[in-house]
Amino acid sequence: MISSEEVARLLLPDKLLDYFDILKIEEGKAQIKIYLEEKNNLHNPVYESKGFYPNVLVNDFPVRGKSLLLGLHRRRWIHKETGAYFNRDFNIVAEGTRITTEFACFLKGLHR
C-alpha cells in the first residue's frame, strides 16, 4: 500500500519533501493550496535557524482541473560567528516568476 507521503512525492516538485514538511492542505472549488515549512535540518553547527521569511505562494502543475499553489515558508539561517544571514537555494521557483521551475520548463516546451 502506498503512503500519503509517497503520493505527495509524486505530485510535488522533485525532492521538495526532503527539505519541507507539509503543514496543511486546503481544497477549494478551483484550487488546491499546500502549505509547506522548511525543515530545521541544516546539519552544520556554524548555522542556526533564526525565524522565517514571509510565506510565498508559487504556482505548480494543475491537479485534476484545479490550480495548485504551494505556500513555501522558508527558514532564515544565521552564521553564528559572522552574524550573516543565509538561506538555502532549492531551485524551486523559476527566476523572475511565481511558478515552479519544473512547471516553467514544461510551459516553455509547449510554446516552442
Protein backbone atom coordinates (compact mmCIF):
# COMPACT_ATOMS: atom_id res chain seq x y z
CA MET A 1 0.00 0.00 0.00
CA ILE A 2 1.26 3.45 -0.90
CA SER A 3 1.60 6.04 1.88
CA SER A 4 0.31 9.62 1.74
CA GLU A 5 3.92 10.88 1.69
CA GLU A 6 4.66 8.73 -1.36
CA VAL A 7 1.61 10.20 -3.10
CA ALA A 8 2.77 13.71 -2.17
CA ARG A 9 6.23 12.96 -3.60
CA LEU A 10 4.57 12.03 -6.90
CA LEU A 11 2.68 15.34 -7.09
CA LEU A 12 5.20 17.81 -5.69
CA PRO A 13 8.46 19.05 -7.23
CA ASP A 14 11.38 16.63 -7.04
CA LYS A 15 13.00 16.32 -3.58
CA LEU A 16 10.76 19.05 -2.08
CA LEU A 17 9.73 16.84 0.84
CA ASP A 18 13.39 16.22 1.67
CA TYR A 19 13.55 19.85 2.81
CA PHE A 20 9.94 20.76 3.64
CA ASP A 21 7.16 19.36 5.82
CA ILE A 22 3.52 19.61 4.76
CA LEU A 23 1.68 21.76 7.30
CA LYS A 24 -1.81 21.73 5.80
CA ILE A 25 -3.75 21.30 2.60
CA GLU A 26 -6.74 23.44 1.63
CA GLU A 27 -9.01 22.44 -1.25
CA GLY A 28 -11.45 24.85 -2.84
CA LYS A 29 -13.64 24.62 -5.92
CA ALA A 30 -10.94 25.90 -8.28
CA GLN A 31 -7.65 25.45 -6.44
CA ILE A 32 -5.62 23.41 -4.00
CA LYS A 33 -3.16 25.06 -1.62
CA ILE A 34 -0.43 23.02 0.03
CA TYR A 35 1.40 24.82 2.81
CA LEU A 36 4.98 23.69 3.41
CA GLU A 37 7.52 24.68 6.05
CA GLU A 38 11.26 24.26 5.63
CA LYS A 39 12.66 21.60 7.95
CA ASN A 40 15.19 22.54 10.59
CA ASN A 41 17.67 20.05 9.16
CA LEU A 42 20.74 22.05 8.19
CA HIS A 43 23.34 19.84 9.82
CA ASN A 44 26.04 22.45 10.19
CA PRO A 45 26.84 23.65 13.72
CA VAL A 46 28.02 27.04 12.43
CA TYR A 47 24.46 27.94 11.30
CA GLU A 48 21.37 28.35 13.45
CA SER A 49 17.73 28.77 12.40
CA LYS A 50 16.53 32.30 13.19
CA GLY A 51 12.91 32.51 12.18
CA PHE A 52 11.29 32.51 8.77
CA TYR A 53 10.94 34.65 5.68
CA PRO A 54 7.37 35.63 4.72
CA ASN A 55 5.30 32.86 3.16
CA VAL A 56 5.45 32.78 -0.66
CA LEU A 57 2.74 31.28 -2.88
CA VAL A 58 4.03 29.53 -6.01
CA ASN A 59 2.00 28.02 -8.87
CA ASP A 60 2.69 24.41 -9.81
CA PHE A 61 1.17 21.91 -12.25
CA PRO A 62 -2.65 21.82 -12.08
CA VAL A 63 -4.14 18.74 -10.41
CA ARG A 64 -7.49 17.27 -11.50
CA GLY A 65 -8.53 20.53 -13.19
CA LYS A 66 -7.62 22.70 -10.20
CA SER A 67 -4.74 25.11 -9.90
CA LEU A 68 -2.12 24.02 -7.39
CA LEU A 69 -0.47 26.62 -5.15
CA LEU A 70 2.46 25.81 -2.90
CA GLY A 71 2.82 28.02 0.17
CA LEU A 72 6.54 27.95 0.95
CA HIS A 73 7.64 29.06 4.41
CA ARG A 74 11.44 29.20 4.29
CA ARG A 75 13.82 29.46 7.21
CA ARG A 76 16.38 32.17 7.80
CA TRP A 77 19.70 30.84 8.96
CA ILE A 78 22.37 32.90 10.72
CA HIS A 79 26.10 32.22 10.75
CA LYS A 80 26.90 32.16 14.46
CA GLU A 81 30.37 33.69 14.07
CA THR A 82 29.75 36.42 11.47
CA GLY A 83 26.05 37.17 12.07
CA ALA A 84 25.42 36.96 8.31
CA TYR A 85 22.07 35.58 7.18
CA PHE A 86 21.87 32.64 4.82
CA ASN A 87 19.08 30.78 3.07
CA ARG A 88 19.23 27.56 1.08
CA ASP A 89 18.57 27.75 -2.65
CA PHE A 90 16.38 24.83 -3.69
CA ASN A 91 15.77 25.98 -7.29
CA ILE A 92 12.05 25.59 -6.66
CA VAL A 93 10.93 28.88 -8.20
CA ALA A 94 11.79 29.83 -11.79
CA GLU A 95 13.75 33.09 -11.89
CA GLY A 96 11.54 36.14 -12.34
CA THR A 97 8.30 34.18 -11.84
CA ARG A 98 5.99 32.78 -9.20
CA ILE A 99 5.88 29.31 -10.74
CA THR A 100 7.93 26.22 -10.00
CA THR A 101 11.00 25.57 -12.12
CA GLU A 102 9.56 22.26 -13.39
CA PHE A 103 6.28 23.93 -14.39
CA ALA A 104 8.16 26.76 -16.17
CA CYS A 105 10.20 24.23 -18.16
CA PHE A 106 7.00 22.42 -19.12
CA LEU A 107 5.31 25.64 -20.25
CA LYS A 108 8.37 26.68 -22.28
CA GLY A 109 8.22 23.33 -24.05
CA LEU A 110 4.62 23.97 -25.05
CA HIS A 111 5.38 27.38 -26.55
CA ARG A 112 8.32 26.46 -28.84
